[in-house]
Amino acid sequence: MSDSFDELKIFKSLASPARINILKALEKQPLNYTELMRVAGMDKKTGSGKFAHHLRMLFATGLVRINGESKLYELTPKGNQVVRMLKEMRSFVLESKGMKVKRSNLVLEDFDRNKISKVLIEEAGMPAKTADKIARAVEERLEELKIDGLTSSLIRELVNVYLVEQGMTEYRNRLIRLGLPIADLDKLLEENSTKASFSTLTSNVASAVFKEYVLSKMLPQEIAARYYSGQIDFEGLETWAFSVYSRIYFEDELKSAVREMDAVEVETVFKDPDLEDCN
């Protein structure tokens, strides 16, 4: 009888969106009273009474407690378990709604949160536990946004936005998708319509993509930032991913240096021996 009574109390405590928001916020990190009020969407002056009622409900069901050392509100083990159950229920609801995702190969398939986790692990090198947490958070946002015409590229964008918000830019940089904005491609198509040169069009598009690849992956971020700001410039940047070969020669070694010119651009950098002591 007591177990059934406890279950009823827990279900009753979950009947309020404000209380669910409190639980979801505390799952991420412990918070103080004022921060919890903000999460619950209540004003400190006018909503104190209602907020105190919500907290009492969560305390009475053993879902929330105050940390003895930090004095911050946090979830109890039972509270963490309830939040996990809520997430599983949310996933089931999303699947039952038949939410479809158009993949990059133009095939429609059912939404699957596990595929987000898989991408984060395999492409970004993220630990499995962190990847699952990120995937669940993105799933929640998808539920809130109720997006029609969901695509895999849009999901990737949402993941990247969330990673930036969480300060995980290193992972985000590994997930960005390279390519031209539609407006830029429209402009290239318009310019090419008078030239009737498809090879020029494809060459321009490919050059833009490879340049973005070099700046995003091959160069250190601080160097790429200086390039974007105009502090430095590089010639033929779009070819660096596959056709630049560089070596450093001392001046007296240059005569005996052998250059391989088989469709490869060669850059020779002279190195002054007098500068060795400055390094």
C-alpha atoms as a PDB file:
ATOM      1  CA  MET A   1       0.000   0.000   0.000  1.00  0.00           C
ATOM      2  CA  SER A   2       2.798   2.393   0.901  1.00  0.00           C
ATOM      3  CA  ASP A   3       4.586   1.723  -2.422  1.00  0.00           C
ATOM      4  CA  SER A   4       1.421   2.530  -4.351  1.00  0.00           C
ATOM      5  CA  PHE A   5       0.976   5.682  -2.282  1.00  0.00           C
ATOM      6  CA  ASP A   6       4.553   6.772  -3.043  1.00  0.00           C
ATOM      7  CA  GLU A   7       3.993   6.187  -6.752  1.00  0.00           C
ATOM      8  CA  LEU A   8       0.858   8.312  -6.688  1.00  0.00           C
ATOM      9  CA  LYS A   9       2.749  11.109  -4.921  1.00  0.00           C
ATOM     10  CA  ILE A  10       5.506  10.979  -7.537  1.00  0.00           C
ATOM     11  CA  PHE A  11       3.039  11.072 -10.433  1.00  0.00           C
ATOM     12  CA  LYS A  12       1.252  13.968  -8.783  1.00  0.00           C
ATOM     13  CA  SER A  13       4.516  15.852  -8.364  1.00  0.00           C
ATOM     14  CA  LEU A  14       5.134  15.475 -12.107  1.00  0.00           C
ATOM     15  CA  ALA A  15       1.767  16.954 -13.045  1.00  0.00           C
ATOM     16  CA  SER A  16       3.203  20.487 -13.190  1.00  0.00           C
ATOM     17  CA  PRO A  17       5.406  21.746 -16.074  1.00  0.00           C
ATOM     18  CA  ALA A  18       7.174  24.026 -13.581  1.00  0.00           C
ATOM     19  CA  ARG A  19       8.203  21.066 -11.412  1.00  0.00           C
ATOM     20  CA  ILE A  20       9.395  19.091 -14.429  1.00  0.00           C
ATOM     21  CA  ASN A  21      11.484  22.091 -15.509  1.00  0.00           C
ATOM     22  CA  ILE A  22      13.033  22.203 -12.037  1.00  0.00           C
ATOM     23  CA  LEU A  23      13.951  18.522 -12.201  1.00  0.00           C
ATOM     24  CA  LYS A  24      15.448  18.857 -15.679  1.00  0.00           C
ATOM     25  CA  ALA A  25      17.493  21.875 -14.623  1.00  0.00           C
ATOM     26  CA  LEU A  26      18.822  20.162 -11.501  1.00  0.00           C
ATOM     27  CA  GLU A  27      19.872  17.173 -13.568  1.00  0.00           C
ATOM     28  CA  LYS A  28      22.397  19.428 -15.311  1.00  0.00           C
ATOM     29  CA  GLN A  29      23.770  21.082 -12.169  1.00  0.00           C
ATOM     30  CA  PRO A  30      22.843  22.086  -8.585  1.00  0.00           C
ATOM     31  CA  LEU A  31      21.182  25.506  -8.336  1.00  0.00           C
ATOM     32  CA  ASN A  32      20.261  28.032  -5.674  1.00  0.00           C
ATOM     33  CA  TYR A  33      16.748  29.227  -4.840  1.00  0.00           C
ATOM     34  CA  THR A  34      16.780  32.248  -7.170  1.00  0.00           C
ATOM     35  CA  GLU A  35      18.144  30.250 -10.108  1.00  0.00           C
ATOM     36  CA  LEU A  36      15.472  27.594  -9.638  1.00  0.00           C
ATOM     37  CA  MET A  37      12.746  30.242  -9.607  1.00  0.00           C
ATOM     38  CA  ARG A  38      14.025  31.556 -12.914  1.00  0.00           C
ATOM     39  CA  VAL A  39      14.030  28.048 -14.390  1.00  0.00           C
ATOM     40  CA  ALA A  40      10.448  27.537 -13.234  1.00  0.00           C
ATOM     41  CA  GLY A  41       9.465  30.763 -15.018  1.00  0.00           C
ATOM     42  CA  MET A  42       8.318  32.588 -11.879  1.00  0.00           C
ATOM     43  CA  ASP A  43       8.880  36.134 -10.720  1.00  0.00           C
ATOM     44  CA  LYS A  44      10.532  36.506  -7.325  1.00  0.00           C
ATOM     45  CA  LYS A  45       8.019  39.124  -6.176  1.00  0.00           C
ATOM     46  CA  THR A  46       4.772  37.604  -7.383  1.00  0.00           C
ATOM     47  CA  GLY A  47       5.511  33.889  -7.619  1.00  0.00           C
ATOM     48  CA  SER A  48       7.267  33.094  -4.337  1.00  0.00           C
ATOM     49  CA  GLY A  49       4.244  31.328  -2.852  1.00  0.00           C
ATOM     50  CA  LYS A  50       3.653  29.084  -5.860  1.00  0.00           C
ATOM     51  CA  PHE A  51       7.346  28.292  -6.161  1.00  0.00           C
ATOM     52  CA  ALA A  52       7.586  27.305  -2.494  1.00  0.00           C
ATOM     53  CA  HIS A  53       4.640  24.954  -3.071  1.00  0.00           C
ATOM     54  CA  HIS A  54       6.416  23.308  -6.016  1.00  0.00           C
ATOM     55  CA  LEU A  55       9.560  22.787  -3.950  1.00  0.00           C
ATOM     56  CA  ARG A  56       7.591  21.265  -1.070  1.00  0.00           C
ATOM     57  CA  MET A  57       6.024  18.781  -3.487  1.00  0.00           C
ATOM     58  CA  LEU A  58       9.423  17.728  -4.813  1.00  0.00           C
ATOM     59  CA  PHE A  59      10.896  17.475  -1.315  1.00  0.00           C
ATOM     60  CA  ALA A  60       7.919  15.447  -0.068  1.00  0.00           C
ATOM     61  CA  THR A  61       8.372  12.852  -2.809  1.00  0.00           C
ATOM     62  CA  GLY A  62      12.112  12.615  -2.166  1.00  0.00           C
ATOM     63  CA  LEU A  63      13.124  13.869  -5.611  1.00  0.00           C
ATOM     64  CA  VAL A  64      15.003  16.991  -4.488  1.00  0.00           C
ATOM     65  CA  ARG A  65      17.202  17.835  -1.512  1.00  0.00           C
ATOM     66  CA  ILE A  66      19.593  20.538  -0.301  1.00  0.00           C
ATOM     67  CA  ASN A  67      23.284  19.695  -0.389  1.00  0.00           C
ATOM     68  CA  GLY A  68      24.681  19.932   3.137  1.00  0.00           C
ATOM     69  CA  GLU A  69      27.965  21.506   2.046  1.00  0.00           C
ATOM     70  CA  SER A  70      27.110  23.755  -0.903  1.00  0.00           C
ATOM     71  CA  LYS A  71      23.563  24.581   0.325  1.00  0.00           C
ATOM     72  CA  LEU A  72      22.389  24.233  -3.274  1.00  0.00           C
ATOM     73  CA  TYR A  73      19.341  22.292  -4.436  1.00  0.00           C
ATOM     74  CA  GLU A  74      20.132  18.985  -6.156  1.00  0.00           C
ATOM     75  CA  LEU A  75      18.440  15.786  -7.299  1.00  0.00           C
ATOM     76  CA  THR A  76      18.350  12.758  -5.043  1.00  0.00           C
ATOM     77  CA  PRO A  77      19.175   9.318  -6.525  1.00  0.00           C
ATOM     78  CA  LYS A  78      15.423   8.790  -6.840  1.00  0.00           C
ATOM     79  CA  GLY A  79      15.119  12.148  -8.602  1.00  0.00           C
ATOM     80  CA  ASN A  80      17.803  11.191 -11.114  1.00  0.00           C
ATOM     81  CA  GLN A  81      16.006   7.934 -11.809  1.00  0.00           C
ATOM     82  CA  VAL A  82      12.695   9.724 -12.375  1.00  0.00           C
ATOM     83  CA  VAL A  83      14.322  12.175 -14.811  1.00  0.00           C
ATOM     84  CA  ARG A  84      15.815   9.264 -16.766  1.00  0.00           C
ATOM     85  CA  MET A  85      12.382   7.657 -16.956  1.00  0.00           C
ATOM     86  CA  LEU A  86      10.896  10.922 -18.228  1.00  0.00           C
ATOM     87  CA  LYS A  87      13.494  11.037 -20.989  1.00  0.00           C
ATOM     88  CA  GLU A  88      12.733   7.488 -22.036  1.00  0.00           C
ATOM     89  CA  MET A  89       9.029   8.318 -22.150  1.00  0.00           C
ATOM     90  CA  ARG A  90       9.781  11.386 -24.264  1.00  0.00           C
ATOM     91  CA  SER A  91      11.796   9.275 -26.706  1.00  0.00           C
ATOM     92  CA  PHE A  92       8.946   6.786 -26.967  1.00  0.00           C
ATOM     93  CA  VAL A  93       6.464   9.599 -27.683  1.00  0.00           C
ATOM     94  CA  LEU A  94       8.697  11.020 -30.419  1.00  0.00           C
ATOM     95  CA  GLU A  95       9.019   7.619 -32.064  1.00  0.00           C
ATOM     96  CA  SER A  96       5.294   6.939 -31.796  1.00  0.00           C
ATOM     97  CA  LYS A  97       4.585  10.243 -33.549  1.00  0.00           C
ATOM     98  CA  GLY A  98       6.497   8.871 -36.508  1.00  0.00           C
ATOM     99  CA  MET A  99       8.911  11.802 -36.793  1.00  0.00           C
ATOM    100  CA  LYS A 100      10.808  11.370 -40.052  1.00  0.00           C
ATOM    101  CA  VAL A 101      14.292  12.546 -40.933  1.00  0.00           C
ATOM    102  CA  LYS A 102      15.507  13.147 -44.475  1.00  0.00           C
ATOM    103  CA  ARG A 103      19.101  11.963 -44.652  1.00  0.00           C
ATOM    104  CA  SER A 104      21.849  13.367 -46.882  1.00  0.00           C
ATOM    105  CA  ASN A 105      21.190  10.559 -49.402  1.00  0.00           C
ATOM    106  CA  LEU A 106      17.554  11.815 -49.635  1.00  0.00           C
ATOM    107  CA  VAL A 107      16.143   8.724 -47.887  1.00  0.00           C
ATOM    108  CA  LEU A 108      13.420   9.198 -45.247  1.00  0.00           C
ATOM    109  CA  GLU A 109      13.801   7.266 -42.005  1.00  0.00           C
ATOM    110  CA  ASP A 110      12.468   7.310 -38.442  1.00  0.00           C
ATOM    111  CA  PHE A 111      14.187   9.600 -35.970  1.00  0.00           C
ATOM    112  CA  ASP A 112      16.695   7.728 -33.821  1.00  0.00           C
ATOM    113  CA  ARG A 113      18.531   9.488 -30.988  1.00  0.00           C
ATOM    114  CA  ASN A 114      21.191   6.784 -30.966  1.00  0.00           C
ATOM    115  CA  LYS A 115      22.394   7.924 -34.390  1.00  0.00           C
ATOM    116  CA  ILE A 116      23.242  11.329 -32.915  1.00  0.00           C
ATOM    117  CA  SER A 117      25.280   9.604 -30.217  1.00  0.00           C
ATOM    118  CA  LYS A 118      27.034   7.483 -32.838  1.00  0.00           C
ATOM    119  CA  VAL A 119      28.072  10.543 -34.866  1.00  0.00           C
ATOM    120  CA  LEU A 120      29.360  12.313 -31.758  1.00  0.00           C
ATOM    121  CA  ILE A 121      31.433   9.278 -30.791  1.00  0.00           C
ATOM    122  CA  GLU A 122      32.773   8.336 -34.233  1.00  0.00           C
ATOM    123  CA  GLU A 123      33.212  11.751 -35.878  1.00  0.00           C
ATOM    124  CA  ALA A 124      33.887  14.036 -32.916  1.00  0.00           C
ATOM    125  CA  GLY A 125      35.682  11.520 -30.691  1.00  0.00           C
ATOM    126  CA  MET A 126      33.368  12.240 -27.766  1.00  0.00           C
ATOM    127  CA  PRO A 127      33.108   9.844 -24.782  1.00  0.00           C
ATOM    128  CA  ALA A 128      30.001   7.642 -25.013  1.00  0.00           C
ATOM    129  CA  LYS A 129      28.433   8.934 -21.788  1.00  0.00           C
ATOM    130  CA  THR A 130      28.811  12.576 -22.853  1.00  0.00           C
ATOM    131  CA  ALA A 131      27.533  11.787 -26.351  1.00  0.00           C
ATOM    132  CA  ASP A 132      24.376  10.189 -24.952  1.00  0.00           C
ATOM    133  CA  LYS A 133      23.762  13.231 -22.749  1.00  0.00           C
ATOM    134  CA  ILE A 134      24.150  15.610 -25.707  1.00  0.00           C
ATOM    135  CA  ALA A 135      21.898  13.452 -27.891  1.00  0.00           C
ATOM    136  CA  ARG A 136      19.137  13.491 -25.273  1.00  0.00           C
ATOM    137  CA  ALA A 137      19.376  17.280 -24.925  1.00  0.00           C
ATOM    138  CA  VAL A 138      19.095  17.737 -28.703  1.00  0.00           C
ATOM    139  CA  GLU A 139      16.135  15.355 -28.759  1.00  0.00           C
ATOM    140  CA  GLU A 140      14.370  17.553 -26.196  1.00  0.00           C
ATOM    141  CA  ARG A 141      14.896  20.621 -28.357  1.00  0.00           C
ATOM    142  CA  LEU A 142      13.513  18.844 -31.389  1.00  0.00           C
ATOM    143  CA  GLU A 143      10.412  17.997 -29.411  1.00  0.00           C
ATOM    144  CA  GLU A 144      10.004  21.620 -28.328  1.00  0.00           C
ATOM    145  CA  LEU A 145      10.604  23.059 -31.820  1.00  0.00           C
ATOM    146  CA  LYS A 146       8.195  20.680 -33.605  1.00  0.00           C
ATOM    147  CA  ILE A 147      10.046  21.111 -36.908  1.00  0.00           C
ATOM    148  CA  ASP A 148       8.406  20.059 -40.172  1.00  0.00           C
ATOM    149  CA  GLY A 149      10.719  18.692 -42.834  1.00  0.00           C
ATOM    150  CA  LEU A 150      13.451  17.608 -40.446  1.00  0.00           C
ATOM    151  CA  THR A 151      16.761  16.806 -42.163  1.00  0.00           C
ATOM    152  CA  SER A 152      20.004  15.244 -40.981  1.00  0.00           C
ATOM    153  CA  SER A 153      21.860  18.478 -41.773  1.00  0.00           C
ATOM    154  CA  LEU A 154      19.439  20.461 -39.586  1.00  0.00           C
ATOM    155  CA  ILE A 155      19.961  18.002 -36.723  1.00  0.00           C
ATOM    156  CA  ARG A 156      23.709  18.440 -37.152  1.00  0.00           C
ATOM    157  CA  GLU A 157      23.276  22.227 -36.944  1.00  0.00           C
ATOM    158  CA  LEU A 158      21.256  21.895 -33.728  1.00  0.00           C
ATOM    159  CA  VAL A 159      23.941  19.633 -32.272  1.00  0.00           C
ATOM    160  CA  ASN A 160      26.642  22.161 -33.171  1.00  0.00           C
ATOM    161  CA  VAL A 161      24.681  25.029 -31.609  1.00  0.00           C
ATOM    162  CA  TYR A 162      24.261  23.051 -28.401  1.00  0.00           C
ATOM    163  CA  LEU A 163      27.982  22.205 -28.337  1.00  0.00           C
ATOM    164  CA  VAL A 164      28.861  25.898 -28.672  1.00  0.00           C
ATOM    165  CA  GLU A 165      26.444  26.771 -25.859  1.00  0.00           C
ATOM    166  CA  GLN A 166      28.140  24.178 -23.656  1.00  0.00           C
ATOM    167  CA  GLY A 167      31.627  25.468 -24.486  1.00  0.00           C
ATOM    168  CA  MET A 168      32.501  22.311 -26.444  1.00  0.00           C
ATOM    169  CA  THR A 169      33.840  24.104 -29.529  1.00  0.00           C
ATOM    170  CA  GLU A 170      36.573  21.509 -30.049  1.00  0.00           C
ATOM    171  CA  TYR A 171      33.931  18.847 -30.722  1.00  0.00           C
ATOM    172  CA  ARG A 172      31.863  21.255 -32.788  1.00  0.00           C
ATOM    173  CA  ASN A 173      34.820  21.994 -35.080  1.00  0.00           C
ATOM    174  CA  ARG A 174      35.025  18.290 -35.933  1.00  0.00           C
ATOM    175  CA  LEU A 175      31.349  18.143 -36.897  1.00  0.00           C
ATOM    176  CA  ILE A 176      30.878  21.204 -39.084  1.00  0.00           C
ATOM    177  CA  ARG A 177      29.663  20.484 -42.600  1.00  0.00           C
ATOM    178  CA  LEU A 178      31.557  22.157 -45.424  1.00  0.00           C
ATOM    179  CA  GLY A 179      29.810  23.744 -48.388  1.00  0.00           C
ATOM    180  CA  LEU A 180      28.405  26.927 -49.874  1.00  0.00           C
ATOM    181  CA  PRO A 181      25.315  28.768 -48.608  1.00  0.00           C
ATOM    182  CA  ILE A 182      22.416  28.629 -51.066  1.00  0.00           C
ATOM    183  CA  ALA A 183      22.689  32.392 -51.679  1.00  0.00           C
ATOM    184  CA  ASP A 184      26.344  32.060 -52.716  1.00  0.00           C
ATOM    185  CA  LEU A 185      25.531  29.141 -55.000  1.00  0.00           C
ATOM    186  CA  ASP A 186      22.662  31.125 -56.566  1.00  0.00           C
ATOM    187  CA  LYS A 187      25.128  33.927 -57.278  1.00  0.00           C
ATOM    188  CA  LEU A 188      27.615  31.547 -58.911  1.00  0.00           C
ATOM    189  CA  LEU A 189      24.853  30.017 -61.048  1.00  0.00           C
ATOM    190  CA  GLU A 190      23.711  33.463 -62.159  1.00  0.00           C
ATOM    191  CA  GLU A 191      27.247  34.532 -63.041  1.00  0.00           C
ATOM    192  CA  ASN A 192      27.872  31.279 -64.909  1.00  0.00           C
ATOM    193  CA  SER A 193      24.651  31.488 -66.938  1.00  0.00           C
ATOM    194  CA  THR A 194      26.251  34.016 -69.308  1.00  0.00           C
ATOM    195  CA  LYS A 195      29.548  32.152 -69.598  1.00  0.00           C
ATOM    196  CA  ALA A 196      28.094  28.708 -70.336  1.00  0.00           C
ATOM    197  CA  SER A 197      31.053  27.044 -68.639  1.00  0.00           C
ATOM    198  CA  PHE A 198      30.059  24.206 -66.359  1.00  0.00           C
ATOM    199  CA  SER A 199      33.692  23.321 -65.623  1.00  0.00           C
ATOM    200  CA  THR A 200      34.330  26.848 -64.324  1.00  0.00           C
ATOM    201  CA  LEU A 201      31.278  26.629 -62.082  1.00  0.00           C
ATOM    202  CA  THR A 202      32.269  23.279 -60.574  1.00  0.00           C
ATOM    203  CA  SER A 203      35.865  24.461 -60.183  1.00  0.00           C
ATOM    204  CA  ASN A 204      34.736  27.542 -58.238  1.00  0.00           C
ATOM    205  CA  VAL A 205      32.498  25.469 -55.970  1.00  0.00           C
ATOM    206  CA  ALA A 206      35.211  22.883 -55.348  1.00  0.00           C
ATOM    207  CA  SER A 207      37.773  25.602 -54.615  1.00  0.00           C
ATOM    208  CA  ALA A 208      35.486  27.199 -52.033  1.00  0.00           C
ATOM    209  CA  VAL A 209      34.887  23.849 -50.303  1.00  0.00           C
ATOM    210  CA  PHE A 210      38.559  22.862 -50.210  1.00  0.00           C
ATOM    211  CA  LYS A 211      39.559  26.297 -48.919  1.00  0.00           C
ATOM    212  CA  GLU A 212      37.021  25.934 -46.115  1.00  0.00           C
ATOM    213  CA  TYR A 213      38.389  22.454 -45.372  1.00  0.00           C
ATOM    214  CA  VAL A 214      41.948  23.754 -45.028  1.00  0.00           C
ATOM    215  CA  LEU A 215      40.866  26.612 -42.769  1.00  0.00           C
ATOM    216  CA  SER A 216      38.623  24.406 -40.634  1.00  0.00           C
ATOM    217  CA  LYS A 217      40.802  21.324 -40.204  1.00  0.00           C
ATOM    218  CA  MET A 218      44.375  21.708 -41.418  1.00  0.00           C
ATOM    219  CA  LEU A 219      45.387  25.099 -40.061  1.00  0.00           C
ATOM    220  CA  PRO A 220      45.558  25.957 -36.340  1.00  0.00           C
ATOM    221  CA  GLN A 221      42.492  27.927 -35.283  1.00  0.00           C
ATOM    222  CA  GLU A 222      44.530  30.996 -34.327  1.00  0.00           C
ATOM    223  CA  ILE A 223      46.054  31.089 -37.826  1.00  0.00           C
ATOM    224  CA  ALA A 224      42.652  30.652 -39.471  1.00  0.00           C
ATOM    225  CA  ALA A 225      41.286  33.487 -37.321  1.00  0.00           C
ATOM    226  CA  ARG A 226      44.083  35.789 -38.505  1.00  0.00           C
ATOM    227  CA  TYR A 227      43.303  34.832 -42.104  1.00  0.00           C
ATOM    228  CA  TYR A 228      39.601  35.616 -41.690  1.00  0.00           C
ATOM    229  CA  SER A 229      40.426  38.986 -40.101  1.00  0.00           C
ATOM    230  CA  GLY A 230      42.725  39.926 -42.985  1.00  0.00           C
ATOM    231  CA  GLN A 231      45.923  40.001 -40.930  1.00  0.00           C
ATOM    232  CA  ILE A 232      47.567  37.368 -43.141  1.00  0.00           C
ATOM    233  CA  ASP A 233      46.907  35.897 -46.572  1.00  0.00           C
ATOM    234  CA  PHE A 234      47.763  32.632 -48.324  1.00  0.00           C
ATOM    235  CA  GLU A 235      48.058  31.978 -52.039  1.00  0.00           C
ATOM    236  CA  GLY A 236      46.382  28.913 -53.506  1.00  0.00           C
ATOM    237  CA  LEU A 237      44.846  27.943 -50.182  1.00  0.00           C
ATOM    238  CA  GLU A 238      42.263  25.734 -51.875  1.00  0.00           C
ATOM    239  CA  THR A 239      45.051  23.391 -53.080  1.00  0.00           C
ATOM    240  CA  TRP A 240      46.765  22.890 -49.736  1.00  0.00           C
ATOM    241  CA  ALA A 241      44.782  19.776 -48.865  1.00  0.00           C
ATOM    242  CA  PHE A 242      46.311  17.707 -51.651  1.00  0.00           C
ATOM    243  CA  SER A 243      48.880  19.496 -53.843  1.00  0.00           C
ATOM    244  CA  VAL A 244      51.370  21.553 -51.868  1.00  0.00           C
ATOM    245  CA  TYR A 245      54.785  20.174 -51.019  1.00  0.00           C
ATOM    246  CA  SER A 246      57.062  22.295 -48.832  1.00  0.00           C
ATOM    247  CA  ARG A 247      60.586  21.818 -47.565  1.00  0.00           C
ATOM    248  CA  ILE A 248      63.040  24.053 -45.763  1.00  0.00           C
ATOM    249  CA  TYR A 249      66.526  24.311 -47.237  1.00  0.00           C
ATOM    250  CA  PHE A 250      69.651  26.033 -46.039  1.00  0.00           C
ATOM    251  CA  GLU A 251      71.033  28.232 -48.781  1.00  0.00           C
ATOM    252  CA  ASP A 252      74.156  26.101 -49.289  1.00  0.00           C
ATOM    253  CA  GLU A 253      71.996  22.987 -49.638  1.00  0.00           C
ATOM    254  CA  LEU A 254      69.774  24.415 -52.347  1.00  0.00           C
ATOM    255  CA  LYS A 255      72.063  23.420 -55.225  1.00  0.00           C
ATOM    256  CA  SER A 256      71.791  19.752 -54.374  1.00  0.00           C
ATOM    257  CA  ALA A 257      68.066  19.806 -53.601  1.00  0.00           C
ATOM    258  CA  VAL A 258      65.865  17.657 -55.805  1.00  0.00           C
ATOM    259  CA  ARG A 259      62.373  18.877 -56.667  1.00  0.00           C
ATOM    260  CA  GLU A 260      59.642  16.463 -57.657  1.00  0.00           C
ATOM    261  CA  MET A 261      57.382  18.321 -60.073  1.00  0.00           C
ATOM    262  CA  ASP A 262      54.824  15.628 -60.915  1.00  0.00           C
ATOM    263  CA  ALA A 263      51.646  17.755 -60.783  1.00  0.00           C
ATOM    264  CA  VAL A 264      52.744  19.100 -57.428  1.00  0.00           C
ATOM    265  CA  GLU A 265      53.228  22.740 -56.523  1.00  0.00           C
ATOM    266  CA  VAL A 266      56.591  23.260 -54.842  1.00  0.00           C
ATOM    267  CA  GLU A 267      57.333  25.985 -52.340  1.00  0.00           C
ATOM    268  CA  THR A 268      60.953  26.683 -51.355  1.00  0.00           C
ATOM    269  CA  VAL A 269      61.611  28.477 -48.079  1.00  0.00           C
ATOM    270  CA  PHE A 270      65.087  29.890 -47.452  1.00  0.00           C
ATOM    271  CA  LYS A 271      66.294  29.525 -43.909  1.00  0.00           C
ATOM    272  CA  ASP A 272      68.997  31.873 -42.592  1.00  0.00           C
ATOM    273  CA  PRO A 273      71.462  29.930 -40.382  1.00  0.00           C
ATOM    274  CA  ASP A 274      72.093  33.134 -38.425  1.00  0.00           C
ATOM    275  CA  LEU A 275      68.531  32.959 -37.133  1.00  0.00           C
ATOM    276  CA  GLU A 276      69.024  29.519 -35.567  1.00  0.00           C
ATOM    277  CA  ASP A 277      70.253  31.001 -32.312  1.00  0.00           C
ATOM    278  CA  CYS A 278      67.110  33.111 -32.045  1.00  0.00           C
ATOM    279  CA  ASN A 279      64.824  30.076 -31.831  1.00  0.00           C
END
